[in-house]
Each structure stands twice: as structure tokens, then as C-alpha cells.
């Protein structure tokens, strides 16, 4: 049975020896969540495949570190602030009262607290996600060398593991999408995007490589089936449905919780994730 390959999202820099050691550490931490997901789906009788992780966080960090606990949104630079505002505004658009007030001009911190109050996500948790999202997505999209290095790290992992199933979470779904397009000879039978911001207007969608055509992104040539899963309360996955902008084969919602509304572990522990990949475990 071939291993599953996961592409991590934001907030996963590991200050350990090598990228390979960081990858193994994350995989070890996530494996019990994957096993739990199979049990929740009633698939506990199946052998759960080994989980590998494509690791790229080290190429996006500043001076080899990541401020994973940073919550001060006012410390973002201008580009990061613009990205945070794009994301927070898109998250706020999910609430009718925000649309009704016509997107009044607010500072990022005000929008953050507005969204936190209405989503029941603690403001500190949302701030931590906002800072990590803005810094890492900006680092990926704004620095061509880092972007190429992250994509190459994912492409190398796919070539090495040769997975039938690729699980791409958060920013990792953007890196995986671009890596698969940049390396059309790579193939996976199933791509599962989890909590993906691929459809986020302006900040992500319109910056993709290859560039969307007529407001539509393309399926990577080596992908067989594409399933997208998002928690209804996942504020990073905006919009939740990717099928409106990409040729996704199946869009669905899965509930993973309020506090862990965006973590890869929570998505792997979802029975819907296990159900999506079960048919591809026959080798």
C-alpha cells in the first residue's frame, strides 16, 4: 500500500535539524488523527496507510524562525496588512450584516474583532491565524525564489513518495496546485484540498500560477479526481466552495470544531476525509 502524502499549511515551521526530520515529526504527530478519522467514518477495519508530509515551511520563514504565537496584527508590514484585510473582509462577507453595511472602512484589528464576535472564534486565536496567514502567504506569493523552492519541495516529495492520494491543506493547497501545474509529469489519482484559500479573490486566486482564465482556474494535468472539503466555520477557506472557480469534482462541508477550525489534524480526524480517500487504498 502506497503512503498518503500531505502538504502542510500555515504555522508548521519546525526548528529541528533537517527538512526531512521536520517532515517526519509532523507526520508522526498527525498519524493518530488520521487513524481517528478512519474510526469515525466506520472504516476502522481498513489498514490505515502510512502518512508522509511534504515540508516547505523552512523556505518561507524569516531568519529560520516562525512567530507561530504572534497575535499582534498591527506589526504586519504594508503588504502583509493588505493581504490580511483581503482575507478578513472575505471572511466577514459570510455574514449578512457585514454585506448590508457596505464594507465600511475599518482597520484590520476592527475587522478581526468584528469577525471573531460573530464567528464565536476567540479573537486571540483568529489574530494568531491572521498573522500567520498574512506572513506566510505573502512570503510565498511575493518572493519568486521562495515560491519556486516551496513548489520544488512539494514536487520532490510527490516524485519520491508516488502517492495515489495527495492531501493539501491551507496554503499547502496553493503550493501543491502550483507544483502540480509546474510539473505536469507528476500524477496523483486523488487530490483532496482541505480548508483551502485557493478561491480567495485578489490575495490568492488572482495571483496564481498559472493565471486563471476568465475567472476560472484549471485542474492540474496529472490530477485524476479532485475533492474539496471545508468546515463551514473555517475562516481561511473563503470561499468554501472551490467548484465555482475550479473544475473540482466534488465540493463538501465537514465540521471540525470552533477552536481548531482550520488545523490539518482536525481535518484528518474527520470521517469525511477518510471516506474520500478510502476507495484509493487498494494497493
Protein backbone atom coordinates (compact mmCIF):
# COMPACT_ATOMS: atom_id res chain seq x y z
CA UNK A 1 0.00 0.00 0.00
CA UNK A 2 1.45 3.33 -1.05
CA UNK A 3 1.68 6.05 1.61
CA UNK A 4 -0.57 9.07 1.66
CA UNK A 5 1.19 12.38 1.16
CA UNK A 6 0.03 15.51 2.98
CA UNK A 7 1.11 19.06 2.18
CA UNK A 8 1.01 21.11 5.36
CA UNK A 9 -0.41 24.62 5.69
CA UNK A 10 0.47 27.71 7.72
CA UNK A 11 2.13 27.58 11.13
CA UNK A 12 4.13 24.39 10.62
CA UNK A 13 7.76 25.51 10.82
CA UNK A 14 9.73 23.03 12.93
CA UNK A 15 13.02 24.18 14.44
CA UNK A 16 14.77 20.83 14.08
CA UNK A 17 17.79 19.57 12.21
CA UNK A 18 16.74 18.97 8.61
CA UNK A 19 13.61 19.36 6.46
CA UNK A 20 13.37 15.57 6.41
CA UNK A 21 13.35 15.44 10.21
CA UNK A 22 10.71 18.18 10.32
CA UNK A 23 8.59 16.25 7.84
CA UNK A 24 8.83 13.07 9.91
CA UNK A 25 7.97 14.94 13.11
CA UNK A 26 4.82 16.45 11.63
CA UNK A 27 3.77 13.11 10.13
CA UNK A 28 4.22 11.37 13.48
CA UNK A 29 2.06 13.99 15.16
CA UNK A 30 -0.69 13.74 12.53
CA UNK A 31 -0.90 9.96 12.14
CA UNK A 32 -3.14 9.39 15.21
CA UNK A 33 -5.59 11.98 13.86
CA UNK A 34 -5.78 10.12 10.55
CA UNK A 35 -6.42 6.83 12.37
CA UNK A 36 -9.16 8.57 14.35
CA UNK A 37 -10.77 9.78 11.14
CA UNK A 38 -10.97 6.25 9.77
CA UNK A 39 -12.62 5.09 13.00
CA UNK A 40 -15.15 7.95 12.90
CA UNK A 41 -16.03 7.01 9.32
CA UNK A 42 -16.67 3.39 10.34
CA UNK A 43 -13.58 2.33 8.39
CA UNK A 44 -11.57 1.06 11.34
CA UNK A 45 -11.38 -2.37 9.70
CA UNK A 46 -9.21 -0.94 6.91
CA UNK A 47 -5.47 -0.72 7.15
CA UNK A 48 -4.60 2.96 7.52
CA UNK A 49 -1.73 3.76 5.18
CA UNK A 50 1.47 5.44 6.27
CA UNK A 51 1.31 9.22 6.22
CA UNK A 52 4.17 11.26 4.78
CA UNK A 53 4.40 15.06 4.78
CA UNK A 54 5.76 17.35 2.07
CA UNK A 55 7.57 20.03 4.08
CA UNK A 56 8.27 23.52 2.76
CA UNK A 57 7.82 25.86 5.77
CA UNK A 58 11.57 26.35 6.18
CA UNK A 59 11.82 28.28 2.89
CA UNK A 60 9.15 30.79 3.93
CA UNK A 61 10.45 31.70 7.38
CA UNK A 62 12.35 34.81 8.28
CA UNK A 63 15.82 34.12 9.66
CA UNK A 64 14.92 30.46 10.17
CA UNK A 65 12.10 31.04 12.60
CA UNK A 66 8.35 31.40 12.62
CA UNK A 67 6.37 33.55 15.03
CA UNK A 68 3.69 30.91 15.49
CA UNK A 69 2.27 32.57 18.60
CA UNK A 70 2.30 36.13 17.27
CA UNK A 71 -1.10 37.80 17.67
CA UNK A 72 -0.28 41.48 17.08
CA UNK A 73 -1.82 42.22 13.70
CA UNK A 74 -0.56 45.81 13.92
CA UNK A 75 3.03 44.55 13.48
CA UNK A 76 2.40 43.35 9.92
CA UNK A 77 4.10 45.29 7.13
CA UNK A 78 2.08 47.05 4.43
CA UNK A 79 1.90 44.08 2.04
CA UNK A 80 1.00 41.68 4.83
CA UNK A 81 -1.63 44.06 6.16
CA UNK A 82 -3.23 44.33 2.71
CA UNK A 83 -3.37 40.54 2.48
CA UNK A 84 -4.85 40.26 5.99
CA UNK A 85 -7.52 42.83 5.10
CA UNK A 86 -8.41 40.93 1.89
CA UNK A 87 -8.79 37.73 3.88
CA UNK A 88 -10.68 39.20 6.84
CA UNK A 89 -13.04 41.09 4.54
CA UNK A 90 -13.75 37.90 2.60
CA UNK A 91 -14.39 36.09 5.90
CA UNK A 92 -16.73 38.89 7.00
CA UNK A 93 -18.65 38.60 3.74
CA UNK A 94 -20.06 35.32 5.03
CA UNK A 95 -22.19 37.34 7.46
CA UNK A 96 -25.24 39.15 6.01
CA UNK A 97 -24.92 42.11 8.38
CA UNK A 98 -21.45 42.86 7.02
CA UNK A 99 -22.70 42.92 3.43
CA UNK A 100 -25.61 45.12 4.44
CA UNK A 101 -23.35 47.78 5.89
CA UNK A 102 -21.46 48.07 2.62
CA UNK A 103 -17.98 47.14 3.79
CA UNK A 104 -17.38 50.28 5.80
CA UNK A 105 -13.70 51.21 6.04
CA UNK A 106 -12.21 49.71 9.17
CA UNK A 107 -8.73 48.98 10.41
CA UNK A 108 -7.62 45.32 10.27
CA UNK A 109 -7.92 44.90 14.05
CA UNK A 110 -11.50 46.19 13.97
CA UNK A 111 -12.47 43.77 11.20
CA UNK A 112 -10.77 40.95 13.10
CA UNK A 113 -12.75 41.60 16.28
CA UNK A 114 -15.96 42.01 14.27
CA UNK A 115 -15.44 38.57 12.67
CA UNK A 116 -14.40 36.99 15.98
CA UNK A 117 -17.58 38.14 17.71
CA UNK A 118 -19.85 36.76 15.02
CA UNK A 119 -18.00 33.53 14.34
CA UNK A 120 -17.50 32.52 18.00
CA UNK A 121 -13.80 32.07 17.29
CA UNK A 122 -11.76 33.62 20.13
CA UNK A 123 -10.16 36.87 18.98
CA UNK A 124 -6.69 35.71 20.08
CA UNK A 125 -7.00 32.52 18.03
CA UNK A 126 -8.21 34.44 15.00
CA UNK A 127 -5.42 37.00 15.39
CA UNK A 128 -2.79 34.25 15.52
CA UNK A 129 -4.19 32.70 12.34
CA UNK A 130 -4.40 36.12 10.65
CA UNK A 131 -0.75 36.92 11.37
CA UNK A 132 0.49 33.50 10.26
CA UNK A 133 -1.70 33.55 7.15
CA UNK A 134 -0.66 37.07 6.11
CA UNK A 135 3.06 36.50 6.67
CA UNK A 136 3.36 33.07 5.10
CA UNK A 137 1.07 33.66 2.13
CA UNK A 138 2.80 36.96 1.44
CA UNK A 139 6.21 35.30 1.74
CA UNK A 140 5.12 32.67 -0.77
CA UNK A 141 3.46 34.95 -3.29
CA UNK A 142 5.83 37.91 -3.09
CA UNK A 143 9.25 36.22 -3.26
CA UNK A 144 9.75 34.29 -6.53
CA UNK A 145 12.76 32.35 -5.24
CA UNK A 146 10.91 31.18 -2.15
CA UNK A 147 7.88 30.33 -4.24
CA UNK A 148 9.95 28.17 -6.58
CA UNK A 149 11.71 26.49 -3.65
CA UNK A 150 8.43 25.65 -1.90
CA UNK A 151 6.92 24.27 -5.08
CA UNK A 152 10.05 22.21 -5.74
CA UNK A 153 9.96 20.76 -2.22
CA UNK A 154 6.40 19.58 -2.80
CA UNK A 155 7.16 18.30 -6.29
CA UNK A 156 10.17 16.36 -4.98
CA UNK A 157 8.04 14.76 -2.26
CA UNK A 158 5.41 13.71 -4.80
CA UNK A 159 8.08 12.24 -7.07
CA UNK A 160 9.67 10.39 -4.14
CA UNK A 161 6.52 9.02 -2.46
CA UNK A 162 4.45 8.50 -5.64
CA UNK A 163 1.19 8.70 -3.67
CA UNK A 164 -2.17 7.84 -5.11
CA UNK A 165 -3.70 10.41 -2.73
CA UNK A 166 -2.41 13.93 -2.08
CA UNK A 167 -3.94 15.79 0.89
CA UNK A 168 -3.25 19.52 0.56
CA UNK A 169 -4.16 21.81 3.46
CA UNK A 170 -4.45 25.59 3.71
CA UNK A 171 -1.53 27.38 1.99
CA UNK A 172 -0.31 23.88 1.13
CA UNK A 173 -3.20 23.58 -1.31
CA UNK A 174 -1.86 26.64 -3.16
CA UNK A 175 1.70 25.27 -3.21
CA UNK A 176 0.50 21.83 -4.32
CA UNK A 177 -1.76 23.29 -7.03
CA UNK A 178 1.12 25.30 -8.49
CA UNK A 179 3.65 22.49 -8.09
CA UNK A 180 1.43 20.05 -9.99
CA UNK A 181 0.93 22.59 -12.77
CA UNK A 182 4.66 23.34 -12.91
CA UNK A 183 5.47 19.61 -13.13
CA UNK A 184 2.77 18.12 -15.41
CA UNK A 185 4.51 14.73 -15.47
CA UNK A 186 3.63 14.25 -11.79
CA UNK A 187 0.34 12.47 -11.21
CA UNK A 188 -1.98 11.60 -8.34
CA UNK A 189 -5.22 9.69 -8.58
CA UNK A 190 -6.91 11.88 -5.97
CA UNK A 191 -6.25 15.43 -4.80
CA UNK A 192 -8.06 16.38 -1.59
CA UNK A 193 -7.90 20.06 -0.70
CA UNK A 194 -8.67 20.82 2.94
CA UNK A 195 -9.50 24.29 4.26
CA UNK A 196 -8.20 25.76 1.04
CA UNK A 197 -7.91 29.52 0.29
CA UNK A 198 -7.37 28.89 -3.44
CA UNK A 199 -10.53 30.81 -4.30
CA UNK A 200 -9.72 33.89 -2.22
CA UNK A 201 -10.14 36.85 -4.59
CA UNK A 202 -7.29 39.26 -5.06
CA UNK A 203 -4.88 37.95 -2.46
CA UNK A 204 -4.60 34.37 -3.75
CA UNK A 205 -6.82 33.47 -6.70
CA UNK A 206 -5.69 36.29 -8.98
CA UNK A 207 -2.03 35.70 -8.07
CA UNK A 208 -2.00 32.00 -9.00
CA UNK A 209 0.43 30.47 -11.48
CA UNK A 210 -0.88 29.60 -13.99
CA UNK A 211 -3.11 32.66 -14.03
CA UNK A 212 -6.86 31.89 -14.06
CA UNK A 213 -8.57 32.38 -17.41
CA UNK A 214 -11.98 34.06 -17.49
CA UNK A 215 -12.15 33.79 -13.69
CA UNK A 216 -11.59 30.01 -13.82
CA UNK A 217 -8.62 28.04 -12.57
CA UNK A 218 -7.56 24.80 -14.27
CA UNK A 219 -7.22 21.32 -12.83
CA UNK A 220 -3.55 20.29 -12.75
CA UNK A 221 -2.95 17.90 -15.67
CA UNK A 222 -1.78 14.99 -13.52
CA UNK A 223 -4.76 15.01 -11.15
CA UNK A 224 -7.42 12.32 -11.60
CA UNK A 225 -10.18 13.30 -9.19
CA UNK A 226 -10.32 16.49 -7.09
CA UNK A 227 -12.30 16.63 -3.84
CA UNK A 228 -12.53 19.80 -1.75
CA UNK A 229 -13.55 19.74 1.92
CA UNK A 230 -14.04 22.75 4.18
CA UNK A 231 -15.53 23.37 7.59
CA UNK A 232 -18.48 25.83 7.41
CA UNK A 233 -16.70 27.85 10.09
CA UNK A 234 -13.23 27.68 8.55
CA UNK A 235 -12.49 31.35 8.05
CA UNK A 236 -9.36 30.64 6.00
CA UNK A 237 -11.30 28.62 3.43
CA UNK A 238 -13.06 31.58 1.83
CA UNK A 239 -14.96 30.92 -0.29
CA UNK A 240 -15.59 27.37 0.97
CA UNK A 241 -16.76 26.10 -2.43
CA UNK A 242 -13.89 25.84 -4.88
CA UNK A 243 -16.13 24.40 -7.58
CA UNK A 244 -17.34 27.88 -8.51
CA UNK A 245 -13.83 28.77 -9.68
CA UNK A 246 -12.10 25.44 -10.36
CA UNK A 247 -13.09 22.15 -12.04
CA UNK A 248 -13.47 20.39 -8.70
CA UNK A 249 -15.18 17.01 -8.97
CA UNK A 250 -16.78 17.20 -5.53
CA UNK A 251 -17.23 20.02 -3.01
CA UNK A 252 -18.44 19.23 0.51
CA UNK A 253 -18.52 20.54 4.06
CA UNK A 254 -17.20 18.80 7.15
CA UNK A 255 -17.43 20.04 10.73
CA UNK A 256 -14.13 20.05 12.61
CA UNK A 257 -14.75 22.47 15.52
CA UNK A 258 -14.60 26.12 16.54
CA UNK A 259 -11.20 26.36 18.24
CA UNK A 260 -9.47 24.07 15.72
CA UNK A 261 -11.45 25.47 12.81
CA UNK A 262 -8.51 25.28 10.40
CA UNK A 263 -5.91 22.75 11.58
CA UNK A 264 -4.76 19.88 9.38
CA UNK A 265 -5.07 17.49 12.31
CA UNK A 266 -8.74 18.35 12.73
CA UNK A 267 -9.38 17.75 9.03
CA UNK A 268 -7.57 14.40 9.12
CA UNK A 269 -9.71 13.37 12.11
CA UNK A 270 -12.86 14.00 10.07
CA UNK A 271 -14.66 10.92 8.85
CA UNK A 272 -15.36 12.68 5.56
CA UNK A 273 -11.64 12.90 4.81
CA UNK A 274 -11.23 9.17 5.43
CA UNK A 275 -14.32 8.42 3.32
CA UNK A 276 -12.94 10.48 0.44
CA UNK A 277 -9.69 8.53 0.27
CA UNK A 278 -10.93 5.03 1.17
CA UNK A 279 -11.51 3.95 -2.44
CA UNK A 280 -7.86 4.67 -3.25
CA UNK A 281 -6.33 2.31 -0.70
CA UNK A 282 -6.49 -0.89 -2.71
CA UNK A 283 -2.79 -1.30 -3.35
